[in-house]
Structure formats: C-alpha cells, structure tokens
C-alpha cells in the first residue's frame, strides 16, 4: 500500500504555503490565440496570411513553453482547457500519457484527478439536495444508519454542511486509510464498508483518538478526505443507488463526460489512461493505476475536456447546451462561503483564492473558485471565476514540483491565452 507521505492533503498544504509567499513573475510572456482560421484559402489577403502565420507561431510557442516547464518539473504529460463565454474555447494535450505504451496526451486522455474529484462529488450531492434528498443542516446519522459522533463531543451532530466544508471534526487517519488503496483493480472494500468501518464505534478502522479532532463539530476547520467520503456515502441509503452510478446517470451522461469514471473497469484500454509517474534516479517511474475505497474524495478519472464540460455547468448557472442539469440556486449555494467566521474562503467543497499578480504571479485581482489535487504521481487543478464564467483546467501525470515557478508559468500562459480568445 502507498505510504501517506504523498497523499491527497499534500497539494492543499503546498498551495496554502504558496498563498502567503510572493512568487517570481518574470517568466516568458504567454502566446496569443492559438487557433487558426479554417476558412483561409488561396484568395485570402496578405493581412489574413500574416494572422494565420502568427496563430501558428503562437501554437508552437505555447507548446514549447509547456514542454519546457514539464521538463523542469519532471512531469511527462499535461492536458489543459479553457472555458469562456459558456463554451470550451481551447483544449490541448502535451507530452506523454503512458511512456511504455507510447501514448501521447490529448484533451480526451483520462487523468486521475485526486482531490479535484471532490468538486464533482459536491455537485452530485447538491443535485440530490435540490431534489429533496436532504437539508444541509440535517444530521448525517439519519441517512447512514449508525451513530456518527466525535467521542469528545457525544451528542453533537455531523451535518452535511459541516462535511461539505471540512468543519465536522472528522480527521484523516492514514494508518487506517492506507488499507483502502488497491492497485490495477477496483477496490474490494466498498465505500460503505470503508466509511462504516471508519466512523462506527464497532468498525474495523475505528480509532477514537485518530479519526476525530478534539474540537466540536462546526467550530473549526480541518481538511478531511474521510469527511467527504462520509458525505458521499450518505447518498447511497438515501437513494438506493451506488454513488458512482448516480454520478453516471445525473452528471456524466447529461454533461457528455464520456471519458470519466470512478471505476477502472469502465476503461477498456488502460494504456490510454494517463499513467501516474514519480521522478527518481533521473528517470520516470510508473506508479501504476490505483484506486481507493473512499473514492469520492479523490478517485475520479476524467479528461481535461470532460472537466471543461463540468465547468460549463457552473458557467451556465446549471445549464449546458440549453439543457438544465442543476437549478441556478443550487450552483449559487455550491459557490457560497458557508462559515465565514470559521473558514472565510470555504464554500461547498470549492474554496476561494485571490489571484492578483502578487501572491500568485498572474491574474488581475479577482476571486476564483478553485480546487486542486495531489496523489502519488498526480497533480491537478481547476479554476472558475464566478464574475464572468472563465474557467481553466490543468491536469498532470506527475507530482507537484517542489517550487511553483514552473506551474505558475503554465498557469499564466493559459490564462493570458484565455484573454486573447
């Protein structure tokens, strides 16, 4: 089993450090619009020929810039997309998805998303919420059928709102959670077995001292993967559906997220997936395709294009391609900070970052709804700017770099491209 030295909390801690440290902003300027005009023909005037040449040069410049940063970060592959004006404005892939198989990355390559998966979990849960499945301040006990309680604060409920915002007092006990990892197969311990065994006092992985924080539910913040797993598991007794099947029916199918699944078995050819890689002894080392029983907190595999489709749901206030999937009020609730006195940047799973060209070396002083993910050989992030619906997806099949100049160079290039589209 994978040790907890590189886990889903790693990116959270790293980005928190980033937000309090000024970063170098002297990286190369980003290219302009990377598209070409497919209608250009032999009669096109010289100005249009010049524009097309410039666009082609921009494509080449962007590819060179990203490939240079991938080499510096020791990451084999990257896929990225831009959502703008309620459309997927740009997508592309760079580098290699599977080195041994010779598979190159494109916008349809499925990557393990790690904790970025939580935004999909939140969206699925809020689909159930808007259909009357639960209220945010309900006690999750009522759904799961066993007592969920912090032993230091017996009788205080674990609510859905707390689980959505990492304020429930649930803690991540990696000694237990490492049992939930499986390699090259889907988990043989179910989500329900893992959650019940972790939170029920009679459970196999229950530890009163390690599975809970000392503070009362709702009073403090501590990022909790198992809290999100508990949140997602509640859907199953509430609906009678498997959580992964619910996502297939109510999110992935209507959003046409055709390259997305919580299950390895859904992918016919694993060589087409982005293999997670570590960098060791000056070479890429494949980690293998792994899964975990608490999968709603980080186990989704999806392509950059699919995650751009997912961001369209937010850009369109719940509507995509003219089809309503969520109510506008549900999207608003997902993006609303819930406990400002406890954690002022935390909405329902989404959290806010302020990108102003200072603490992050790009941006124009705007708040973005954001989530990232870091697993062994995986680094992912999605950005959504509620003020105008601009969104960005960046997926990589390598570890987050120890420094952030390189990934910020990529972010800035993609952001500046978005301003030219």
Protein backbone atom coordinates (compact mmCIF):
# COMPACT_ATOMS: atom_id res chain seq x y z
CA UNK A 1 0.00 0.00 0.00
CA UNK A 2 1.09 3.54 -0.65
CA UNK A 3 2.51 5.32 2.37
CA UNK A 4 0.91 8.61 3.43
CA UNK A 5 3.96 10.69 2.53
CA UNK A 6 2.36 11.73 -0.76
CA UNK A 7 -1.37 11.94 -0.29
CA UNK A 8 -4.45 13.99 -1.12
CA UNK A 9 -3.65 16.59 1.51
CA UNK A 10 -0.22 17.38 0.02
CA UNK A 11 -1.40 19.86 -2.60
CA UNK A 12 -3.63 21.64 -0.09
CA UNK A 13 -0.72 22.30 2.24
CA UNK A 14 1.56 23.30 -0.61
CA UNK A 15 -0.87 25.78 -2.12
CA UNK A 16 -1.57 27.28 1.31
CA UNK A 17 2.14 27.98 1.58
CA UNK A 18 2.08 29.47 -1.90
CA UNK A 19 -0.66 31.92 -0.98
CA UNK A 20 1.48 33.51 1.71
CA UNK A 21 4.68 33.79 -0.31
CA UNK A 22 5.37 36.11 -3.22
CA UNK A 23 6.31 34.30 -6.39
CA UNK A 24 8.66 35.23 -9.25
CA UNK A 25 6.65 36.94 -12.02
CA UNK A 26 9.40 37.20 -14.63
CA UNK A 27 8.55 34.13 -16.71
CA UNK A 28 8.23 34.39 -20.50
CA UNK A 29 5.17 36.15 -21.89
CA UNK A 30 2.32 33.89 -22.91
CA UNK A 31 1.32 33.46 -26.53
CA UNK A 32 -1.79 34.89 -28.09
CA UNK A 33 -4.69 32.98 -29.66
CA UNK A 34 -3.56 29.52 -30.66
CA UNK A 35 -6.35 28.84 -33.16
CA UNK A 36 -6.23 29.04 -36.94
CA UNK A 37 -8.90 30.08 -39.41
CA UNK A 38 -10.08 27.00 -41.25
CA UNK A 39 -11.71 29.20 -43.93
CA UNK A 40 -8.42 30.69 -45.12
CA UNK A 41 -7.77 29.87 -48.80
CA UNK A 42 -5.54 30.97 -51.70
CA UNK A 43 -7.54 34.19 -52.21
CA UNK A 44 -7.01 35.38 -48.64
CA UNK A 45 -5.29 38.75 -48.46
CA UNK A 46 -1.80 39.22 -47.07
CA UNK A 47 -3.07 40.52 -43.71
CA UNK A 48 -5.00 37.30 -43.12
CA UNK A 49 -1.98 35.26 -44.18
CA UNK A 50 0.03 37.15 -41.60
CA UNK A 51 -2.60 36.48 -38.91
CA UNK A 52 -2.57 32.76 -39.71
CA UNK A 53 1.21 32.64 -39.55
CA UNK A 54 1.05 34.43 -36.19
CA UNK A 55 -1.51 31.96 -34.85
CA UNK A 56 0.61 29.02 -35.97
CA UNK A 57 3.62 30.59 -34.30
CA UNK A 58 1.55 31.01 -31.13
CA UNK A 59 0.66 27.31 -31.17
CA UNK A 60 4.32 26.45 -31.45
CA UNK A 61 5.34 28.95 -28.78
CA UNK A 62 2.80 27.61 -26.29
CA UNK A 63 3.78 24.03 -26.96
CA UNK A 64 7.45 24.88 -26.48
CA UNK A 65 6.76 26.79 -23.27
CA UNK A 66 4.70 24.00 -21.71
CA UNK A 67 7.12 21.27 -22.75
CA UNK A 68 9.99 23.27 -21.23
CA UNK A 69 8.12 23.57 -17.94
CA UNK A 70 7.21 19.87 -17.95
CA UNK A 71 10.88 19.02 -18.30
CA UNK A 72 11.76 21.33 -15.41
CA UNK A 73 9.01 19.84 -13.23
CA UNK A 74 9.90 16.24 -14.21
CA UNK A 75 6.32 15.60 -15.34
CA UNK A 76 5.73 13.56 -18.51
CA UNK A 77 2.36 14.91 -19.61
CA UNK A 78 -0.21 17.67 -19.25
CA UNK A 79 -3.67 18.42 -20.61
CA UNK A 80 -5.42 21.78 -20.30
CA UNK A 81 -8.64 23.51 -21.33
CA UNK A 82 -10.16 26.98 -21.21
CA UNK A 83 -13.87 27.70 -20.74
CA UNK A 84 -15.01 31.15 -21.85
CA UNK A 85 -18.35 32.68 -22.82
CA UNK A 86 -20.06 29.40 -21.86
CA UNK A 87 -18.05 27.48 -24.45
CA UNK A 88 -14.95 25.33 -24.44
CA UNK A 89 -12.69 27.87 -26.09
CA UNK A 90 -9.48 25.82 -26.20
CA UNK A 91 -8.13 22.41 -25.23
CA UNK A 92 -4.85 20.65 -25.89
CA UNK A 93 -2.53 17.96 -24.65
CA UNK A 94 1.24 17.89 -24.27
CA UNK A 95 3.79 15.17 -23.60
CA UNK A 96 3.18 11.54 -22.81
CA UNK A 97 0.32 9.76 -21.07
CA UNK A 98 2.00 6.35 -20.95
CA UNK A 99 5.68 6.21 -21.79
CA UNK A 100 5.98 2.44 -22.19
CA UNK A 101 2.87 2.24 -24.38
CA UNK A 102 3.88 5.29 -26.42
CA UNK A 103 0.55 7.03 -25.68
CA UNK A 104 0.58 10.79 -26.11
CA UNK A 105 -1.63 13.13 -24.08
CA UNK A 106 -4.58 14.82 -25.75
CA UNK A 107 -7.61 16.63 -24.39
CA UNK A 108 -9.52 13.34 -24.11
CA UNK A 109 -6.89 11.48 -22.07
CA UNK A 110 -8.34 10.45 -18.67
CA UNK A 111 -6.20 11.50 -15.69
CA UNK A 112 -6.64 10.56 -12.06
CA UNK A 113 -7.93 13.83 -10.57
CA UNK A 114 -7.08 13.26 -6.89
CA UNK A 115 -8.86 15.82 -4.68
CA UNK A 116 -10.13 17.83 -7.63
CA UNK A 117 -12.66 14.96 -7.75
CA UNK A 118 -14.32 16.47 -4.69
CA UNK A 119 -15.91 19.21 -6.79
CA UNK A 120 -17.75 16.52 -8.75
CA UNK A 121 -18.78 14.79 -5.52
CA UNK A 122 -20.15 18.07 -4.18
CA UNK A 123 -22.08 18.69 -7.40
CA UNK A 124 -23.63 15.22 -7.34
CA UNK A 125 -24.63 15.65 -3.71
CA UNK A 126 -26.22 19.02 -4.41
CA UNK A 127 -28.17 17.50 -7.29
CA UNK A 128 -29.68 15.21 -4.65
CA UNK A 129 -30.17 18.19 -2.30
CA UNK A 130 -32.18 20.17 -4.84
CA UNK A 131 -34.39 17.13 -5.34
CA UNK A 132 -35.23 17.00 -1.63
CA UNK A 133 -32.82 14.27 -0.59
CA UNK A 134 -31.52 16.09 2.49
CA UNK A 135 -31.15 19.52 4.09
CA UNK A 136 -27.69 20.94 4.64
CA UNK A 137 -28.14 21.06 8.42
CA UNK A 138 -29.55 17.54 8.74
CA UNK A 139 -27.64 15.07 10.87
CA UNK A 140 -25.93 12.55 8.57
CA UNK A 141 -26.84 9.84 11.13
CA UNK A 142 -30.37 9.88 9.78
CA UNK A 143 -29.14 8.56 6.43
CA UNK A 144 -26.26 6.22 7.18
CA UNK A 145 -27.98 4.13 9.85
CA UNK A 146 -25.31 4.25 12.54
CA UNK A 147 -24.22 6.83 15.08
CA UNK A 148 -21.61 9.23 13.71
CA UNK A 149 -20.23 11.22 16.63
CA UNK A 150 -16.99 12.73 17.80
CA UNK A 151 -16.32 10.80 21.04
CA UNK A 152 -15.09 14.01 22.65
CA UNK A 153 -18.41 15.70 21.85
CA UNK A 154 -21.04 13.00 22.10
CA UNK A 155 -24.50 14.06 21.02
CA UNK A 156 -23.34 16.82 18.66
CA UNK A 157 -24.44 16.09 15.09
CA UNK A 158 -22.28 15.72 12.00
CA UNK A 159 -24.20 17.77 9.42
CA UNK A 160 -23.95 17.77 5.65
CA UNK A 161 -22.91 21.42 5.69
CA UNK A 162 -20.02 20.58 8.02
CA UNK A 163 -18.91 17.69 5.82
CA UNK A 164 -19.04 19.90 2.70
CA UNK A 165 -16.82 22.48 4.44
CA UNK A 166 -14.29 20.35 6.37
CA UNK A 167 -15.65 21.58 9.71
CA UNK A 168 -17.20 18.35 11.01
CA UNK A 169 -14.16 17.47 13.19
CA UNK A 170 -13.56 14.27 11.16
CA UNK A 171 -9.82 13.64 10.81
CA UNK A 172 -7.78 11.63 8.32
CA UNK A 173 -6.09 8.66 9.95
CA UNK A 174 -3.66 7.46 7.30
CA UNK A 175 -2.75 4.32 9.21
CA UNK A 176 -6.31 3.21 8.56
CA UNK A 177 -6.81 4.82 5.15
CA UNK A 178 -3.82 3.10 3.59
CA UNK A 179 -5.85 -0.12 3.80
CA UNK A 180 -8.27 1.40 1.29
CA UNK A 181 -5.76 1.56 -1.62
CA UNK A 182 -5.78 -1.01 -4.43
CA UNK A 183 -3.54 -1.29 -7.48
CA UNK A 184 -4.61 -2.22 -11.02
CA UNK A 185 -8.10 -3.15 -9.82
CA UNK A 186 -11.15 -1.53 -8.35
CA UNK A 187 -11.45 -1.69 -4.55
CA UNK A 188 -12.62 -4.91 -2.98
CA UNK A 189 -13.62 -2.92 0.13
CA UNK A 190 -16.74 -0.94 -0.76
CA UNK A 191 -17.34 2.71 0.03
CA UNK A 192 -19.96 1.70 2.58
CA UNK A 193 -17.65 -0.81 4.26
CA UNK A 194 -14.83 1.73 4.47
CA UNK A 195 -16.99 4.54 5.83
CA UNK A 196 -18.86 2.35 8.32
CA UNK A 197 -15.65 0.71 9.47
CA UNK A 198 -14.04 4.11 9.99
CA UNK A 199 -16.83 6.05 11.71
CA UNK A 200 -18.86 3.39 13.53
CA UNK A 201 -17.58 2.71 17.05
CA UNK A 202 -17.61 -1.01 16.32
CA UNK A 203 -15.82 -0.63 12.98
CA UNK A 204 -12.60 -2.31 11.89
CA UNK A 205 -10.80 1.01 11.31
CA UNK A 206 -12.38 3.00 14.14
CA UNK A 207 -9.94 4.89 16.34
CA UNK A 208 -11.47 7.42 18.73
CA UNK A 209 -8.18 9.26 19.11
CA UNK A 210 -7.07 9.38 15.46
CA UNK A 211 -10.29 9.53 13.40
CA UNK A 212 -11.55 12.72 15.06
CA UNK A 213 -10.18 16.08 16.10
CA UNK A 214 -10.59 17.36 19.64
CA UNK A 215 -12.79 20.32 18.73
CA UNK A 216 -16.58 20.30 18.49
CA UNK A 217 -18.25 19.80 15.10
CA UNK A 218 -18.78 23.11 13.32
CA UNK A 219 -16.29 25.08 15.41
CA UNK A 220 -13.01 24.70 13.49
CA UNK A 221 -11.64 23.76 10.07
CA UNK A 222 -9.51 20.74 9.20
CA UNK A 223 -9.37 19.39 5.65
CA UNK A 224 -10.85 15.90 5.76
CA UNK A 225 -10.92 13.31 3.00
CA UNK A 226 -12.87 10.85 5.12
CA UNK A 227 -15.43 13.53 5.90
CA UNK A 228 -16.09 13.81 2.15
CA UNK A 229 -16.27 10.02 1.83
CA UNK A 230 -18.92 10.01 4.59
CA UNK A 231 -20.80 12.78 2.81
CA UNK A 232 -20.88 10.82 -0.44
CA UNK A 233 -21.78 7.53 1.20
CA UNK A 234 -24.93 9.13 2.66
CA UNK A 235 -26.29 9.32 -0.90
CA UNK A 236 -26.45 5.55 -1.16
CA UNK A 237 -29.00 4.81 1.60
CA UNK A 238 -30.88 7.99 0.71
CA UNK A 239 -31.38 6.94 -2.92
CA UNK A 240 -30.75 3.21 -3.02
CA UNK A 241 -28.16 3.90 -5.73
CA UNK A 242 -24.44 3.30 -5.81
CA UNK A 243 -22.67 6.68 -5.65
CA UNK A 244 -20.69 6.06 -8.84
CA UNK A 245 -23.85 5.00 -10.71
CA UNK A 246 -25.66 8.14 -9.52
CA UNK A 247 -22.87 10.28 -10.97
CA UNK A 248 -23.01 8.37 -14.25
CA UNK A 249 -26.75 8.98 -14.60
CA UNK A 250 -27.13 12.51 -13.30
CA UNK A 251 -23.82 14.18 -14.20
CA UNK A 252 -21.60 12.30 -16.63
CA UNK A 253 -24.30 11.27 -19.12
CA UNK A 254 -26.12 14.64 -19.36
CA UNK A 255 -22.80 16.54 -19.45
CA UNK A 256 -21.44 14.14 -22.09
CA UNK A 257 -18.39 13.46 -19.92
CA UNK A 258 -17.60 10.37 -21.97
CA UNK A 259 -14.05 9.88 -20.67
CA UNK A 260 -14.92 9.95 -16.97
CA UNK A 261 -15.47 7.24 -14.39
CA UNK A 262 -14.89 6.43 -10.75
CA UNK A 263 -14.07 2.84 -11.77
CA UNK A 264 -11.05 1.41 -13.56
CA UNK A 265 -13.22 -1.29 -15.12
CA UNK A 266 -15.01 1.38 -17.16
CA UNK A 267 -11.89 1.94 -19.28
CA UNK A 268 -11.40 -0.70 -21.93
CA UNK A 269 -7.71 0.05 -22.55
CA UNK A 270 -5.69 1.16 -19.53
CA UNK A 271 -2.82 2.14 -21.83
CA UNK A 272 -4.94 5.09 -22.93
CA UNK A 273 -5.10 6.46 -19.38
CA UNK A 274 -2.53 8.88 -18.04
CA UNK A 275 -0.18 6.72 -16.01
CA UNK A 276 0.91 8.40 -12.75
CA UNK A 277 4.69 8.83 -12.59
CA UNK A 278 7.30 9.64 -9.98
CA UNK A 279 10.71 11.04 -10.85
CA UNK A 280 13.54 9.02 -9.32
CA UNK A 281 17.19 8.47 -10.25
CA UNK A 282 16.80 10.82 -13.23
CA UNK A 283 14.02 8.79 -14.79
CA UNK A 284 10.24 8.45 -14.82
CA UNK A 285 8.97 5.58 -12.67
CA UNK A 286 5.38 4.42 -13.27
CA UNK A 287 3.32 4.23 -10.09
CA UNK A 288 0.57 2.04 -11.52
CA UNK A 289 -3.17 2.64 -11.80
CA UNK A 290 -4.51 2.70 -8.27
CA UNK A 291 -7.92 3.17 -6.71
CA UNK A 292 -9.26 3.51 -3.18
CA UNK A 293 -12.39 2.55 -1.29
CA UNK A 294 -13.04 6.14 -0.16
CA UNK A 295 -13.05 7.11 -3.85
CA UNK A 296 -15.43 10.13 -3.76
CA UNK A 297 -12.69 12.12 -2.05
CA UNK A 298 -10.21 11.73 -4.90
CA UNK A 299 -10.69 8.73 -7.18
CA UNK A 300 -12.29 10.14 -10.34
CA UNK A 301 -10.55 9.69 -13.66
CA UNK A 302 -11.56 12.27 -16.24
CA UNK A 303 -10.14 14.07 -19.24
CA UNK A 304 -9.42 17.79 -19.42
CA UNK A 305 -12.20 18.11 -21.99
CA UNK A 306 -14.66 16.41 -19.64
CA UNK A 307 -13.68 18.71 -16.79
CA UNK A 308 -14.20 21.66 -19.10
CA UNK A 309 -17.69 20.30 -19.74
CA UNK A 310 -18.09 20.15 -15.98
CA UNK A 311 -17.07 23.82 -15.64
CA UNK A 312 -19.67 24.72 -18.28
CA UNK A 313 -22.26 23.63 -15.73
CA UNK A 314 -21.05 26.41 -13.43
CA UNK A 315 -20.57 28.96 -16.22
CA UNK A 316 -24.13 28.34 -17.37
CA UNK A 317 -25.66 28.55 -13.88
CA UNK A 318 -26.65 24.89 -14.07
CA UNK A 319 -27.46 24.75 -17.79
CA UNK A 320 -25.27 23.22 -20.52
CA UNK A 321 -26.10 23.22 -24.24
CA UNK A 322 -29.54 24.56 -23.40
CA UNK A 323 -30.30 21.64 -21.08
CA UNK A 324 -30.89 22.30 -17.35
CA UNK A 325 -28.91 19.98 -15.09
CA UNK A 326 -28.93 21.97 -11.85
CA UNK A 327 -31.04 24.88 -10.68
CA UNK A 328 -29.26 28.27 -10.63
CA UNK A 329 -29.84 28.49 -6.87
CA UNK A 330 -28.02 25.18 -6.41
CA UNK A 331 -24.96 26.48 -8.26
CA UNK A 332 -25.09 29.64 -6.16
CA UNK A 333 -25.18 27.58 -2.98
CA UNK A 334 -22.23 25.47 -4.09
CA UNK A 335 -20.19 28.65 -4.55
CA UNK A 336 -21.30 30.37 -1.33
CA UNK A 337 -18.99 30.59 1.67
CA UNK A 338 -20.79 28.75 4.47
CA UNK A 339 -18.97 29.54 7.72
CA UNK A 340 -17.14 32.84 7.19
CA UNK A 341 -16.16 33.14 10.84
CA UNK A 342 -14.58 29.66 10.79
CA UNK A 343 -13.06 29.49 7.29
CA UNK A 344 -13.72 32.63 5.21
CA UNK A 345 -12.72 31.08 1.85
CA UNK A 346 -14.56 27.75 2.06
CA UNK A 347 -17.71 27.21 0.02
CA UNK A 348 -19.30 23.78 -0.51
CA UNK A 349 -16.06 21.88 -1.27
CA UNK A 350 -14.92 24.70 -3.58
CA UNK A 351 -12.68 27.25 -1.92
CA UNK A 352 -11.69 30.73 -3.00
CA UNK A 353 -8.27 32.02 -3.95
CA UNK A 354 -7.42 35.62 -4.73
CA UNK A 355 -5.17 35.81 -7.77
CA UNK A 356 -3.76 39.28 -8.08
CA UNK A 357 -0.31 39.09 -9.64
CA UNK A 358 1.29 39.33 -6.20
CA UNK A 359 0.76 36.23 -4.08
CA UNK A 360 0.30 34.36 -7.37
CA UNK A 361 2.33 35.75 -10.23
CA UNK A 362 -0.56 36.22 -12.65
CA UNK A 363 -4.16 37.46 -12.64
CA UNK A 364 -5.96 40.73 -12.31
CA UNK A 365 -7.17 40.91 -8.72
CA UNK A 366 -10.11 38.52 -8.99
CA UNK A 367 -11.53 35.85 -6.71
CA UNK A 368 -11.59 32.39 -8.24
CA UNK A 369 -13.39 29.30 -7.02
CA UNK A 370 -10.69 26.67 -7.03
CA UNK A 371 -9.70 23.14 -6.18
CA UNK A 372 -6.56 21.15 -6.68
CA UNK A 373 -5.47 17.60 -6.13
CA UNK A 374 -2.27 15.75 -5.38
CA UNK A 375 -1.80 12.00 -5.28
CA UNK A 376 1.21 9.79 -5.92
CA UNK A 377 2.23 10.78 -9.46
CA UNK A 378 -0.73 13.12 -9.95
CA UNK A 379 -1.21 16.91 -9.84
CA UNK A 380 -4.43 18.59 -10.99
CA UNK A 381 -6.30 21.87 -10.60
CA UNK A 382 -9.40 23.65 -11.83
CA UNK A 383 -10.22 27.35 -11.67
CA UNK A 384 -13.58 29.07 -12.09
CA UNK A 385 -14.07 32.85 -11.98
CA UNK A 386 -17.70 33.50 -10.98
CA UNK A 387 -17.62 37.13 -12.11
CA UNK A 388 -17.52 36.19 -15.80
CA UNK A 389 -17.56 32.38 -16.04
CA UNK A 390 -13.95 32.00 -17.13
CA UNK A 391 -12.57 28.57 -16.29
CA UNK A 392 -9.29 26.68 -16.63
CA UNK A 393 -8.40 23.01 -16.25
CA UNK A 394 -4.82 21.74 -15.81
CA UNK A 395 -4.11 18.01 -15.36
CA UNK A 396 -0.66 16.41 -14.98
CA UNK A 397 0.55 12.83 -14.50
CA UNK A 398 3.46 13.70 -12.23
CA UNK A 399 3.95 15.05 -8.74
CA UNK A 400 3.59 18.69 -7.82
CA UNK A 401 7.00 20.36 -8.11
CA UNK A 402 8.86 21.44 -5.01
CA UNK A 403 8.80 25.02 -6.28
CA UNK A 404 5.97 26.80 -8.05
CA UNK A 405 7.64 28.98 -10.68
CA UNK A 406 7.16 26.34 -13.39
CA UNK A 407 3.49 25.58 -12.79
CA UNK A 408 2.76 29.30 -12.47
CA UNK A 409 4.43 29.84 -15.83
CA UNK A 410 2.00 27.31 -17.31
CA UNK A 411 -0.99 28.84 -15.49
CA UNK A 412 -0.05 32.32 -16.63
CA UNK A 413 0.40 31.22 -20.26
CA UNK A 414 -3.02 29.56 -20.30
CA UNK A 415 -4.64 32.50 -18.52
CA UNK A 416 -3.15 35.01 -20.95
CA UNK A 417 -4.23 32.83 -23.87
CA UNK A 418 -7.76 33.00 -22.43
CA UNK A 419 -7.64 36.78 -22.64
CA UNK A 420 -6.84 36.60 -26.35
CA UNK A 421 -9.52 34.09 -27.34
